[in-house]
Amino acid sequence: MNARITWISSCPVKGMAIKQLEEANKLGRTLVEERLVACATLLPVVQSIYHWNEQIQSAPETMVLLKTGTDKLEQLEKRLKELHSYRVPEFLVIPVESGSSAYLEWLFGALTGAKKAS
């Protein structure tokens, strides 16, 4: 079993709230289907303030938290760049120090497709 878990933070496209959520949902579902992440948690309508093109911008976005193992990071970053509509998508790796053994067992099983014995 992979010994480390990582949360990835990613903010999909700004625009209309429904479009944001639809894109985030599609991105999360694709990454789960491809087993690059075990879970994608969508946090709709966060407000981001940032510099872009020499101006301060403010935009509503949908935050996506992706749970995966460290062995998937390189492939996940590559796939995220392919799927994401931003030119520079946010890709931050936040190590997790601890978690419940049952949750971690489920997470790594979801990444590999391993079925838990009943």
PDB file of N, CA and C in Angstrom:
ATOM      1  N   MET A   1       0.853  -1.182   0.000  1.00  0.00           N
ATOM      2  CA  MET A   1       0.000   0.000   0.000  1.00  0.00           C
ATOM      3  C   MET A   1       0.896   1.242   0.000  1.00  0.00           C
ATOM      4  N   ASN A   2       0.521   2.224  -0.808  1.00  0.00           N
ATOM      5  CA  ASN A   2       1.265   3.479  -0.871  1.00  0.00           C
ATOM      6  C   ASN A   2       1.190   4.154   0.504  1.00  0.00           C
ATOM      7  N   ALA A   3       2.318   4.590   1.006  1.00  0.00           N
ATOM      8  CA  ALA A   3       2.376   5.105   2.372  1.00  0.00           C
ATOM      9  C   ALA A   3       1.973   6.557   2.514  1.00  0.00           C
ATOM     10  N   ARG A   4       1.847   7.277   1.411  1.00  0.00           N
ATOM     11  CA  ARG A   4       1.549   8.704   1.537  1.00  0.00           C
ATOM     12  C   ARG A   4       0.327   9.067   0.720  1.00  0.00           C
ATOM     13  N   ILE A   5      -0.426   9.988   1.253  1.00  0.00           N
ATOM     14  CA  ILE A   5      -1.589  10.535   0.559  1.00  0.00           C
ATOM     15  C   ILE A   5      -1.354  12.017   0.368  1.00  0.00           C
ATOM     16  N   THR A   6      -1.903  12.561  -0.679  1.00  0.00           N
ATOM     17  CA  THR A   6      -1.727  13.975  -0.968  1.00  0.00           C
ATOM     18  C   THR A   6      -3.063  14.577  -1.369  1.00  0.00           C
ATOM     19  N   TRP A   7      -3.315  15.761  -0.893  1.00  0.00           N
ATOM     20  CA  TRP A   7      -4.459  16.550  -1.354  1.00  0.00           C
ATOM     21  C   TRP A   7      -3.918  17.510  -2.386  1.00  0.00           C
ATOM     22  N   ILE A   8      -4.592  17.624  -3.493  1.00  0.00           N
ATOM     23  CA  ILE A   8      -4.223  18.574  -4.526  1.00  0.00           C
ATOM     24  C   ILE A   8      -5.325  19.621  -4.572  1.00  0.00           C
ATOM     25  N   SER A   9      -4.931  20.857  -4.665  1.00  0.00           N
ATOM     26  CA  SER A   9      -5.900  21.941  -4.785  1.00  0.00           C
ATOM     27  C   SER A   9      -5.892  22.418  -6.227  1.00  0.00           C
ATOM     28  N   SER A  10      -7.067  22.533  -6.799  1.00  0.00           N
ATOM     29  CA  SER A  10      -7.157  22.994  -8.177  1.00  0.00           C
ATOM     30  C   SER A  10      -8.400  23.859  -8.353  1.00  0.00           C
ATOM     31  N   CYS A  11      -8.253  24.979  -8.990  1.00  0.00           N
ATOM     32  CA  CYS A  11      -9.387  25.877  -9.232  1.00  0.00           C
ATOM     33  C   CYS A  11      -9.751  25.873 -10.712  1.00  0.00           C
ATOM     34  N   PRO A  12     -10.869  25.282 -11.082  1.00  0.00           N
ATOM     35  CA  PRO A  12     -11.288  25.357 -12.474  1.00  0.00           C
ATOM     36  C   PRO A  12     -11.790  26.733 -12.867  1.00  0.00           C
ATOM     37  N   VAL A  13     -12.190  26.812 -14.102  1.00  0.00           N
ATOM     38  CA  VAL A  13     -12.523  28.044 -14.815  1.00  0.00           C
ATOM     39  C   VAL A  13     -13.474  28.981 -14.115  1.00  0.00           C
ATOM     40  N   LYS A  14     -13.148  30.258 -14.255  1.00  0.00           N
ATOM     41  CA  LYS A  14     -14.089  31.266 -13.803  1.00  0.00           C
ATOM     42  C   LYS A  14     -15.117  31.488 -14.902  1.00  0.00           C
ATOM     43  N   GLY A  15     -16.171  32.146 -14.572  1.00  0.00           N
ATOM     44  CA  GLY A  15     -17.239  32.403 -15.538  1.00  0.00           C
ATOM     45  C   GLY A  15     -18.559  32.322 -14.813  1.00  0.00           C
ATOM     46  N   MET A  16     -19.593  31.916 -15.511  1.00  0.00           N
ATOM     47  CA  MET A  16     -20.900  31.759 -14.869  1.00  0.00           C
ATOM     48  C   MET A  16     -20.823  30.634 -13.841  1.00  0.00           C
ATOM     49  N   ALA A  17     -21.515  30.794 -12.756  1.00  0.00           N
ATOM     50  CA  ALA A  17     -21.448  29.810 -11.674  1.00  0.00           C
ATOM     51  C   ALA A  17     -21.797  28.404 -12.170  1.00  0.00           C
ATOM     52  N   ILE A  18     -22.825  28.275 -12.983  1.00  0.00           N
ATOM     53  CA  ILE A  18     -23.215  26.944 -13.452  1.00  0.00           C
ATOM     54  C   ILE A  18     -22.131  26.342 -14.337  1.00  0.00           C
ATOM     55  N   LYS A  19     -21.530  27.176 -15.181  1.00  0.00           N
ATOM     56  CA  LYS A  19     -20.450  26.692 -16.034  1.00  0.00           C
ATOM     57  C   LYS A  19     -19.267  26.248 -15.189  1.00  0.00           C
ATOM     58  N   GLN A  20     -18.942  26.999 -14.168  1.00  0.00           N
ATOM     59  CA  GLN A  20     -17.840  26.628 -13.284  1.00  0.00           C
ATOM     60  C   GLN A  20     -18.072  25.259 -12.674  1.00  0.00           C
ATOM     61  N   LEU A  21     -19.245  25.064 -12.128  1.00  0.00           N
ATOM     62  CA  LEU A  21     -19.550  23.819 -11.455  1.00  0.00           C
ATOM     63  C   LEU A  21     -19.584  22.667 -12.447  1.00  0.00           C
ATOM     64  N   GLU A  22     -20.137  22.892 -13.625  1.00  0.00           N
ATOM     65  CA  GLU A  22     -20.181  21.840 -14.648  1.00  0.00           C
ATOM     66  C   GLU A  22     -18.776  21.422 -15.061  1.00  0.00           C
ATOM     67  N   GLU A  23     -17.888  22.396 -15.269  1.00  0.00           N
ATOM     68  CA  GLU A  23     -16.520  22.054 -15.647  1.00  0.00           C
ATOM     69  C   GLU A  23     -15.808  21.332 -14.518  1.00  0.00           C
ATOM     70  N   ALA A  24     -15.976  21.810 -13.294  1.00  0.00           N
ATOM     71  CA  ALA A  24     -15.350  21.168 -12.141  1.00  0.00           C
ATOM     72  C   ALA A  24     -15.851  19.738 -11.977  1.00  0.00           C
ATOM     73  N   ASN A  25     -17.146  19.539 -12.165  1.00  0.00           N
ATOM     74  CA  ASN A  25     -17.746  18.210 -12.056  1.00  0.00           C
ATOM     75  C   ASN A  25     -17.178  17.276 -13.126  1.00  0.00           C
ATOM     76  N   LYS A  26     -17.079  17.762 -14.346  1.00  0.00           N
ATOM     77  CA  LYS A  26     -16.541  16.957 -15.447  1.00  0.00           C
ATOM     78  C   LYS A  26     -15.077  16.604 -15.184  1.00  0.00           C
ATOM     79  N   LEU A  27     -14.286  17.586 -14.743  1.00  0.00           N
ATOM     80  CA  LEU A  27     -12.878  17.363 -14.449  1.00  0.00           C
ATOM     81  C   LEU A  27     -12.726  16.330 -13.333  1.00  0.00           C
ATOM     82  N   GLY A  28     -13.462  16.520 -12.238  1.00  0.00           N
ATOM     83  CA  GLY A  28     -13.383  15.590 -11.112  1.00  0.00           C
ATOM     84  C   GLY A  28     -13.800  14.183 -11.494  1.00  0.00           C
ATOM     85  N   ARG A  29     -14.903  14.061 -12.217  1.00  0.00           N
ATOM     86  CA  ARG A  29     -15.394  12.742 -12.628  1.00  0.00           C
ATOM     87  C   ARG A  29     -14.375  12.032 -13.524  1.00  0.00           C
ATOM     88  N   THR A  30     -13.796  12.769 -14.463  1.00  0.00           N
ATOM     89  CA  THR A  30     -12.796  12.184 -15.368  1.00  0.00           C
ATOM     90  C   THR A  30     -11.600  11.662 -14.591  1.00  0.00           C
ATOM     91  N   LEU A  31     -11.089  12.454 -13.649  1.00  0.00           N
ATOM     92  CA  LEU A  31      -9.918  12.046 -12.882  1.00  0.00           C
ATOM     93  C   LEU A  31     -10.212  10.849 -11.978  1.00  0.00           C
ATOM     94  N   VAL A  32     -11.436  10.761 -11.443  1.00  0.00           N
ATOM     95  CA  VAL A  32     -11.832   9.597 -10.640  1.00  0.00           C
ATOM     96  C   VAL A  32     -11.959   8.374 -11.548  1.00  0.00           C
ATOM     97  N   GLU A  33     -12.621   8.528 -12.703  1.00  0.00           N
ATOM     98  CA  GLU A  33     -12.782   7.409 -13.641  1.00  0.00           C
ATOM     99  C   GLU A  33     -11.433   6.861 -14.087  1.00  0.00           C
ATOM    100  N   GLU A  34     -10.462   7.740 -14.283  1.00  0.00           N
ATOM    101  CA  GLU A  34      -9.133   7.328 -14.730  1.00  0.00           C
ATOM    102  C   GLU A  34      -8.254   6.847 -13.566  1.00  0.00           C
ATOM    103  N   ARG A  35      -8.801   6.848 -12.352  1.00  0.00           N
ATOM    104  CA  ARG A  35      -8.112   6.429 -11.120  1.00  0.00           C
ATOM    105  C   ARG A  35      -6.833   7.223 -10.843  1.00  0.00           C
ATOM    106  N   LEU A  36      -6.828   8.476 -11.286  1.00  0.00           N
ATOM    107  CA  LEU A  36      -5.730   9.372 -10.930  1.00  0.00           C
ATOM    108  C   LEU A  36      -5.979   9.984  -9.561  1.00  0.00           C
ATOM    109  N   VAL A  37      -7.243  10.040  -9.156  1.00  0.00           N
ATOM    110  CA  VAL A  37      -7.626  10.482  -7.816  1.00  0.00           C
ATOM    111  C   VAL A  37      -8.682   9.522  -7.280  1.00  0.00           C
ATOM    112  N   ALA A  38      -8.744   9.402  -5.964  1.00  0.00           N
ATOM    113  CA  ALA A  38      -9.774   8.570  -5.339  1.00  0.00           C
ATOM    114  C   ALA A  38     -11.061   9.358  -5.150  1.00  0.00           C
ATOM    115  N   CYS A  39     -10.924  10.673  -4.968  1.00  0.00           N
ATOM    116  CA  CYS A  39     -12.073  11.519  -4.672  1.00  0.00           C
ATOM    117  C   CYS A  39     -11.799  12.947  -5.119  1.00  0.00           C
ATOM    118  N   ALA A  40     -12.804  13.586  -5.660  1.00  0.00           N
ATOM    119  CA  ALA A  40     -12.740  15.009  -6.003  1.00  0.00           C
ATOM    120  C   ALA A  40     -13.861  15.701  -5.231  1.00  0.00           C
ATOM    121  N   THR A  41     -13.510  16.617  -4.370  1.00  0.00           N
ATOM    122  CA  THR A  41     -14.489  17.365  -3.578  1.00  0.00           C
ATOM    123  C   THR A  41     -14.624  18.754  -4.181  1.00  0.00           C
ATOM    124  N   LEU A  42     -15.842  19.135  -4.570  1.00  0.00           N
ATOM    125  CA  LEU A  42     -16.103  20.427  -5.201  1.00  0.00           C
ATOM    126  C   LEU A  42     -16.635  21.406  -4.164  1.00  0.00           C
ATOM    127  N   LEU A  43     -16.013  22.573  -4.106  1.00  0.00           N
ATOM    128  CA  LEU A  43     -16.461  23.649  -3.225  1.00  0.00           C
ATOM    129  C   LEU A  43     -16.891  24.808  -4.114  1.00  0.00           C
ATOM    130  N   PRO A  44     -18.172  24.863  -4.463  1.00  0.00           N
ATOM    131  CA  PRO A  44     -18.623  25.884  -5.412  1.00  0.00           C
ATOM    132  C   PRO A  44     -18.558  27.296  -4.832  1.00  0.00           C
ATOM    133  N   VAL A  45     -18.323  28.201  -5.693  1.00  0.00           N
ATOM    134  CA  VAL A  45     -18.338  29.635  -5.466  1.00  0.00           C
ATOM    135  C   VAL A  45     -17.402  30.084  -4.337  1.00  0.00           C
ATOM    136  N   VAL A  46     -16.120  29.988  -4.632  1.00  0.00           N
ATOM    137  CA  VAL A  46     -15.119  30.658  -3.815  1.00  0.00           C
ATOM    138  C   VAL A  46     -14.712  31.893  -4.603  1.00  0.00           C
ATOM    139  N   GLN A  47     -14.289  32.923  -3.928  1.00  0.00           N
ATOM    140  CA  GLN A  47     -13.892  34.167  -4.603  1.00  0.00           C
ATOM    141  C   GLN A  47     -12.375  34.272  -4.580  1.00  0.00           C
ATOM    142  N   SER A  48     -11.766  34.419  -5.746  1.00  0.00           N
ATOM    143  CA  SER A  48     -10.310  34.550  -5.837  1.00  0.00           C
ATOM    144  C   SER A  48      -9.937  35.964  -6.259  1.00  0.00           C
ATOM    145  N   ILE A  49      -8.894  36.506  -5.628  1.00  0.00           N
ATOM    146  CA  ILE A  49      -8.357  37.828  -5.964  1.00  0.00           C
ATOM    147  C   ILE A  49      -6.882  37.613  -6.271  1.00  0.00           C
ATOM    148  N   TYR A  50      -6.436  38.052  -7.446  1.00  0.00           N
ATOM    149  CA  TYR A  50      -5.092  37.715  -7.903  1.00  0.00           C
ATOM    150  C   TYR A  50      -4.614  38.688  -8.978  1.00  0.00           C
ATOM    151  N   HIS A  51      -3.301  38.712  -9.212  1.00  0.00           N
ATOM    152  CA  HIS A  51      -2.720  39.487 -10.311  1.00  0.00           C
ATOM    153  C   HIS A  51      -2.773  38.651 -11.581  1.00  0.00           C
ATOM    154  N   TRP A  52      -3.208  39.244 -12.695  1.00  0.00           N
ATOM    155  CA  TRP A  52      -3.172  38.580 -14.000  1.00  0.00           C
ATOM    156  C   TRP A  52      -3.123  39.665 -15.068  1.00  0.00           C
ATOM    157  N   ASN A  53      -2.191  39.547 -15.989  1.00  0.00           N
ATOM    158  CA  ASN A  53      -2.021  40.527 -17.067  1.00  0.00           C
ATOM    159  C   ASN A  53      -1.878  41.947 -16.525  1.00  0.00           C
ATOM    160  N   GLU A  54      -1.030  42.078 -15.499  1.00  0.00           N
ATOM    161  CA  GLU A  54      -0.707  43.385 -14.923  1.00  0.00           C
ATOM    162  C   GLU A  54      -1.887  44.085 -14.246  1.00  0.00           C
ATOM    163  N   GLN A  55      -2.937  43.352 -13.937  1.00  0.00           N
ATOM    164  CA  GLN A  55      -4.097  43.928 -13.249  1.00  0.00           C
ATOM    165  C   GLN A  55      -4.518  43.014 -12.115  1.00  0.00           C
ATOM    166  N   ILE A  56      -5.153  43.614 -11.113  1.00  0.00           N
ATOM    167  CA  ILE A  56      -5.739  42.802 -10.051  1.00  0.00           C
ATOM    168  C   ILE A  56      -7.111  42.345 -10.534  1.00  0.00           C
ATOM    169  N   GLN A  57      -7.300  41.041 -10.485  1.00  0.00           N
ATOM    170  CA  GLN A  57      -8.550  40.420 -10.930  1.00  0.00           C
ATOM    171  C   GLN A  57      -9.295  39.867  -9.719  1.00  0.00           C
ATOM    172  N   SER A  58     -10.591  39.729  -9.861  1.00  0.00           N
ATOM    173  CA  SER A  58     -11.424  39.084  -8.857  1.00  0.00           C
ATOM    174  C   SER A  58     -12.452  38.254  -9.603  1.00  0.00           C
ATOM    175  N   ALA A  59     -12.563  36.987  -9.217  1.00  0.00           N
ATOM    176  CA  ALA A  59     -13.474  36.112  -9.963  1.00  0.00           C
ATOM    177  C   ALA A  59     -14.012  35.000  -9.071  1.00  0.00           C
ATOM    178  N   PRO A  60     -15.281  34.643  -9.271  1.00  0.00           N
ATOM    179  CA  PRO A  60     -15.814  33.458  -8.588  1.00  0.00           C
ATOM    180  C   PRO A  60     -15.278  32.209  -9.286  1.00  0.00           C
ATOM    181  N   GLU A  61     -14.909  31.224  -8.505  1.00  0.00           N
ATOM    182  CA  GLU A  61     -14.404  29.966  -9.047  1.00  0.00           C
ATOM    183  C   GLU A  61     -14.965  28.813  -8.228  1.00  0.00           C
ATOM    184  N   THR A  62     -14.813  27.604  -8.733  1.00  0.00           N
ATOM    185  CA  THR A  62     -15.141  26.406  -7.972  1.00  0.00           C
ATOM    186  C   THR A  62     -13.822  25.767  -7.570  1.00  0.00           C
ATOM    187  N   MET A  63     -13.605  25.610  -6.282  1.00  0.00           N
ATOM    188  CA  MET A  63     -12.396  24.966  -5.775  1.00  0.00           C
ATOM    189  C   MET A  63     -12.592  23.454  -5.832  1.00  0.00           C
ATOM    190  N   VAL A  64     -11.578  22.750  -6.292  1.00  0.00           N
ATOM    191  CA  VAL A  64     -11.627  21.288  -6.349  1.00  0.00           C
ATOM    192  C   VAL A  64     -10.479  20.746  -5.508  1.00  0.00           C
ATOM    193  N   LEU A  65     -10.797  19.912  -4.527  1.00  0.00           N
ATOM    194  CA  LEU A  65      -9.784  19.232  -3.728  1.00  0.00           C
ATOM    195  C   LEU A  65      -9.706  17.790  -4.221  1.00  0.00           C
ATOM    196  N   LEU A  66      -8.522  17.381  -4.640  1.00  0.00           N
ATOM    197  CA  LEU A  66      -8.326  16.047  -5.197  1.00  0.00           C
ATOM    198  C   LEU A  66      -7.494  15.223  -4.227  1.00  0.00           C
ATOM    199  N   LYS A  67      -7.954  14.021  -3.905  1.00  0.00           N
ATOM    200  CA  LYS A  67      -7.225  13.152  -2.985  1.00  0.00           C
ATOM    201  C   LYS A  67      -6.583  12.036  -3.793  1.00  0.00           C
ATOM    202  N   THR A  68      -5.255  11.910  -3.660  1.00  0.00           N
ATOM    203  CA  THR A  68      -4.522  10.915  -4.428  1.00  0.00           C
ATOM    204  C   THR A  68      -3.274  10.478  -3.690  1.00  0.00           C
ATOM    205  N   GLY A  69      -2.578   9.515  -4.222  1.00  0.00           N
ATOM    206  CA  GLY A  69      -1.310   9.064  -3.673  1.00  0.00           C
ATOM    207  C   GLY A  69      -0.161   9.778  -4.362  1.00  0.00           C
ATOM    208  N   THR A  70       0.969   9.832  -3.696  1.00  0.00           N
ATOM    209  CA  THR A  70       2.117  10.554  -4.251  1.00  0.00           C
ATOM    210  C   THR A  70       2.620   9.935  -5.544  1.00  0.00           C
ATOM    211  N   ASP A  71       2.396   8.637  -5.738  1.00  0.00           N
ATOM    212  CA  ASP A  71       2.845   7.989  -6.967  1.00  0.00           C
ATOM    213  C   ASP A  71       2.035   8.414  -8.193  1.00  0.00           C
ATOM    214  N   LYS A  72       0.928   9.105  -8.004  1.00  0.00           N
ATOM    215  CA  LYS A  72       0.077   9.556  -9.107  1.00  0.00           C
ATOM    216  C   LYS A  72       0.311  11.019  -9.491  1.00  0.00           C
ATOM    217  N   LEU A  73       1.141  11.735  -8.739  1.00  0.00           N
ATOM    218  CA  LEU A  73       1.254  13.185  -8.903  1.00  0.00           C
ATOM    219  C   LEU A  73       1.699  13.617 -10.303  1.00  0.00           C
ATOM    220  N   GLU A  74       2.734  13.005 -10.836  1.00  0.00           N
ATOM    221  CA  GLU A  74       3.249  13.419 -12.136  1.00  0.00           C
ATOM    222  C   GLU A  74       2.206  13.201 -13.236  1.00  0.00           C
ATOM    223  N   GLN A  75       1.581  12.044 -13.236  1.00  0.00           N
ATOM    224  CA  GLN A  75       0.552  11.746 -14.226  1.00  0.00           C
ATOM    225  C   GLN A  75      -0.668  12.652 -14.036  1.00  0.00           C
ATOM    226  N   LEU A  76      -1.034  12.916 -12.782  1.00  0.00           N
ATOM    227  CA  LEU A  76      -2.177  13.780 -12.485  1.00  0.00           C
ATOM    228  C   LEU A  76      -1.924  15.206 -12.976  1.00  0.00           C
ATOM    229  N   GLU A  77      -0.741  15.740 -12.711  1.00  0.00           N
ATOM    230  CA  GLU A  77      -0.443  17.106 -13.157  1.00  0.00           C
ATOM    231  C   GLU A  77      -0.511  17.207 -14.683  1.00  0.00           C
ATOM    232  N   LYS A  78       0.023  16.224 -15.369  1.00  0.00           N
ATOM    233  CA  LYS A  78      -0.021  16.215 -16.835  1.00  0.00           C
ATOM    234  C   LYS A  78      -1.467  16.182 -17.332  1.00  0.00           C
ATOM    235  N   ARG A  79      -2.282  15.304 -16.753  1.00  0.00           N
ATOM    236  CA  ARG A  79      -3.681  15.173 -17.186  1.00  0.00           C
ATOM    237  C   ARG A  79      -4.474  16.430 -16.844  1.00  0.00           C
ATOM    238  N   LEU A  80      -4.210  17.019 -15.691  1.00  0.00           N
ATOM    239  CA  LEU A  80      -4.904  18.246 -15.295  1.00  0.00           C
ATOM    240  C   LEU A  80      -4.639  19.362 -16.308  1.00  0.00           C
ATOM    241  N   LYS A  81      -3.399  19.479 -16.774  1.00  0.00           N
ATOM    242  CA  LYS A  81      -3.068  20.496 -17.778  1.00  0.00           C
ATOM    243  C   LYS A  81      -3.807  20.243 -19.085  1.00  0.00           C
ATOM    244  N   GLU A  82      -4.053  18.981 -19.427  1.00  0.00           N
ATOM    245  CA  GLU A  82      -4.791  18.646 -20.645  1.00  0.00           C
ATOM    246  C   GLU A  82      -6.272  18.989 -20.517  1.00  0.00           C
ATOM    247  N   LEU A  83      -6.842  18.753 -19.345  1.00  0.00           N
ATOM    248  CA  LEU A  83      -8.284  18.917 -19.139  1.00  0.00           C
ATOM    249  C   LEU A  83      -8.694  20.331 -18.755  1.00  0.00           C
ATOM    250  N   HIS A  84      -7.814  21.064 -18.114  1.00  0.00           N
ATOM    251  CA  HIS A  84      -8.154  22.348 -17.509  1.00  0.00           C
ATOM    252  C   HIS A  84      -8.234  23.448 -18.554  1.00  0.00           C
ATOM    253  N   SER A  85      -9.157  24.367 -18.397  1.00  0.00           N
ATOM    254  CA  SER A  85      -9.300  25.457 -19.363  1.00  0.00           C
ATOM    255  C   SER A  85      -8.398  26.652 -19.051  1.00  0.00           C
ATOM    256  N   TYR A  86      -7.806  26.699 -17.854  1.00  0.00           N
ATOM    257  CA  TYR A  86      -6.863  27.783 -17.547  1.00  0.00           C
ATOM    258  C   TYR A  86      -5.534  27.520 -18.245  1.00  0.00           C
ATOM    259  N   ARG A  87      -4.855  28.571 -18.662  1.00  0.00           N
ATOM    260  CA  ARG A  87      -3.507  28.449 -19.211  1.00  0.00           C
ATOM    261  C   ARG A  87      -2.525  28.020 -18.131  1.00  0.00           C
ATOM    262  N   VAL A  88      -2.746  28.512 -16.913  1.00  0.00           N
ATOM    263  CA  VAL A  88      -1.881  28.179 -15.779  1.00  0.00           C
ATOM    264  C   VAL A  88      -2.777  27.652 -14.645  1.00  0.00           C
ATOM    265  N   PRO A  89      -3.149  26.377 -14.705  1.00  0.00           N
ATOM    266  CA  PRO A  89      -4.008  25.853 -13.638  1.00  0.00           C
ATOM    267  C   PRO A  89      -3.260  25.746 -12.316  1.00  0.00           C
ATOM    268  N   GLU A  90      -3.997  25.981 -11.244  1.00  0.00           N
ATOM    269  CA  GLU A  90      -3.416  25.854  -9.901  1.00  0.00           C
ATOM    270  C   GLU A  90      -3.158  24.376  -9.622  1.00  0.00           C
ATOM    271  N   PHE A  91      -1.957  24.051  -9.190  1.00  0.00           N
ATOM    272  CA  PHE A  91      -1.605  22.676  -8.823  1.00  0.00           C
ATOM    273  C   PHE A  91      -0.719  22.754  -7.602  1.00  0.00           C
ATOM    274  N   LEU A  92      -1.318  22.611  -6.435  1.00  0.00           N
ATOM    275  CA  LEU A  92      -0.600  22.688  -5.159  1.00  0.00           C
ATOM    276  C   LEU A  92      -0.697  21.342  -4.464  1.00  0.00           C
ATOM    277  N   VAL A  93       0.422  20.840  -4.001  1.00  0.00           N
ATOM    278  CA  VAL A  93       0.449  19.554  -3.305  1.00  0.00           C
ATOM    279  C   VAL A  93       0.569  19.814  -1.810  1.00  0.00           C
ATOM    280  N   ILE A  94      -0.377  19.279  -1.065  1.00  0.00           N
ATOM    281  CA  ILE A  94      -0.413  19.471   0.382  1.00  0.00           C
ATOM    282  C   ILE A  94      -0.323  18.091   1.035  1.00  0.00           C
ATOM    283  N   PRO A  95       0.825  17.735   1.602  1.00  0.00           N
ATOM    284  CA  PRO A  95       0.963  16.402   2.221  1.00  0.00           C
ATOM    285  C   PRO A  95       0.013  16.243   3.408  1.00  0.00           C
ATOM    286  N   VAL A  96      -0.495  15.037   3.566  1.00  0.00           N
ATOM    287  CA  VAL A  96      -1.353  14.694   4.701  1.00  0.00           C
ATOM    288  C   VAL A  96      -0.510  13.882   5.672  1.00  0.00           C
ATOM    289  N   GLU A  97      -0.428  14.331   6.904  1.00  0.00           N
ATOM    290  CA  GLU A  97       0.417  13.663   7.896  1.00  0.00           C
ATOM    291  C   GLU A  97      -0.226  12.416   8.486  1.00  0.00           C
ATOM    292  N   SER A  98      -1.543  12.415   8.578  1.00  0.00           N
ATOM    293  CA  SER A  98      -2.222  11.306   9.238  1.00  0.00           C
ATOM    294  C   SER A  98      -3.651  11.208   8.740  1.00  0.00           C
ATOM    295  N   GLY A  99      -4.254  10.053   8.929  1.00  0.00           N
ATOM    296  CA  GLY A  99      -5.647   9.845   8.569  1.00  0.00           C
ATOM    297  C   GLY A  99      -6.118   8.525   9.150  1.00  0.00           C
ATOM    298  N   SER A 100      -7.423   8.321   9.177  1.00  0.00           N
ATOM    299  CA  SER A 100      -7.936   7.060   9.718  1.00  0.00           C
ATOM    300  C   SER A 100      -7.522   5.915   8.808  1.00  0.00           C
ATOM    301  N   SER A 101      -7.175   4.791   9.402  1.00  0.00           N
ATOM    302  CA  SER A 101      -6.720   3.651   8.609  1.00  0.00           C
ATOM    303  C   SER A 101      -7.813   3.171   7.655  1.00  0.00           C
ATOM    304  N   ALA A 102      -9.074   3.205   8.079  1.00  0.00           N
ATOM    305  CA  ALA A 102     -10.170   2.773   7.203  1.00  0.00           C
ATOM    306  C   ALA A 102     -10.283   3.675   5.975  1.00  0.00           C
ATOM    307  N   TYR A 103     -10.162   4.988   6.184  1.00  0.00           N
ATOM    308  CA  TYR A 103     -10.251   5.919   5.049  1.00  0.00           C
ATOM    309  C   TYR A 103      -9.068   5.741   4.100  1.00  0.00           C
ATOM    310  N   LEU A 104      -7.865   5.625   4.654  1.00  0.00           N
ATOM    311  CA  LEU A 104      -6.679   5.458   3.811  1.00  0.00           C
ATOM    312  C   LEU A 104      -6.733   4.145   3.040  1.00  0.00           C
ATOM    313  N   GLU A 105      -7.234   3.098   3.670  1.00  0.00           N
ATOM    314  CA  GLU A 105      -7.390   1.813   2.981  1.00  0.00           C
ATOM    315  C   GLU A 105      -8.369   1.967   1.809  1.00  0.00           C
ATOM    316  N   TRP A 106      -9.497   2.645   2.062  1.00  0.00           N
ATOM    317  CA  TRP A 106     -10.456   2.881   0.979  1.00  0.00           C
ATOM    318  C   TRP A 106      -9.811   3.701  -0.135  1.00  0.00           C
ATOM    319  N   LEU A 107      -9.104   4.783   0.232  1.00  0.00           N
ATOM    320  CA  LEU A 107      -8.517   5.679  -0.752  1.00  0.00           C
ATOM    321  C   LEU A 107      -7.549   4.938  -1.673  1.00  0.00           C
ATOM    322  N   PHE A 108      -6.616   4.194  -1.095  1.00  0.00           N
ATOM    323  CA  PHE A 108      -5.637   3.497  -1.923  1.00  0.00           C
ATOM    324  C   PHE A 108      -6.285   2.378  -2.731  1.00  0.00           C
ATOM    325  N   GLY A 109      -7.315   1.760  -2.172  1.00  0.00           N
ATOM    326  CA  GLY A 109      -8.071   0.758  -2.924  1.00  0.00           C
ATOM    327  C   GLY A 109      -8.770   1.387  -4.121  1.00  0.00           C
ATOM    328  N   ALA A 110      -9.321   2.586  -3.945  1.00  0.00           N
ATOM    329  CA  ALA A 110      -9.999   3.289  -5.037  1.00  0.00           C
ATOM    330  C   ALA A 110      -9.017   3.668  -6.139  1.00  0.00           C
ATOM    331  N   LEU A 111      -7.785   3.997  -5.768  1.00  0.00           N
ATOM    332  CA  LEU A 111      -6.777   4.375  -6.766  1.00  0.00           C
ATOM    333  C   LEU A 111      -6.309   3.182  -7.585  1.00  0.00           C
ATOM    334  N   THR A 112      -6.302   2.010  -6.974  1.00  0.00           N
ATOM    335  CA  THR A 112      -5.787   0.823  -7.674  1.00  0.00           C
ATOM    336  C   THR A 112      -6.897  -0.050  -8.237  1.00  0.00           C
ATOM    337  N   GLY A 113      -8.112   0.144  -7.769  1.00  0.00           N
ATOM    338  CA  GLY A 113      -9.219  -0.709  -8.200  1.00  0.00           C
ATOM    339  C   GLY A 113      -9.302  -1.978  -7.386  1.00  0.00           C
ATOM    340  N   ALA A 114      -8.514  -2.056  -6.309  1.00  0.00           N
ATOM    341  CA  ALA A 114      -8.532  -3.250  -5.453  1.00  0.00           C
ATOM    342  C   ALA A 114      -9.847  -3.327  -4.697  1.00  0.00           C
ATOM    343  N   LYS A 115     -10.426  -4.492  -4.661  1.00  0.00           N
ATOM    344  CA  LYS A 115     -11.670  -4.690  -3.931  1.00  0.00           C
ATOM    345  C   LYS A 115     -11.342  -5.149  -2.514  1.00  0.00           C
ATOM    346  N   LYS A 116     -12.059  -4.572  -1.540  1.00  0.00           N
ATOM    347  CA  LYS A 116     -11.865  -4.921  -0.136  1.00  0.00           C
ATOM    348  C   LYS A 116     -12.561  -6.267   0.128  1.00  0.00           C
ATOM    349  N   ALA A 117     -11.868  -7.147   0.815  1.00  0.00           N
ATOM    350  CA  ALA A 117     -12.471  -8.445   1.174  1.00  0.00           C
ATOM    351  C   ALA A 117     -13.621  -8.221   2.148  1.00  0.00           C
ATOM    352  N   SER A 118     -14.739  -8.941   1.937  1.00  0.00           N
ATOM    353  CA  SER A 118     -15.874  -8.752   2.835  1.00  0.00           C
ATOM    354  C   SER A 118     -15.793  -9.630   4.046  1.00  0.00           C
TER     355      SER A 118
END
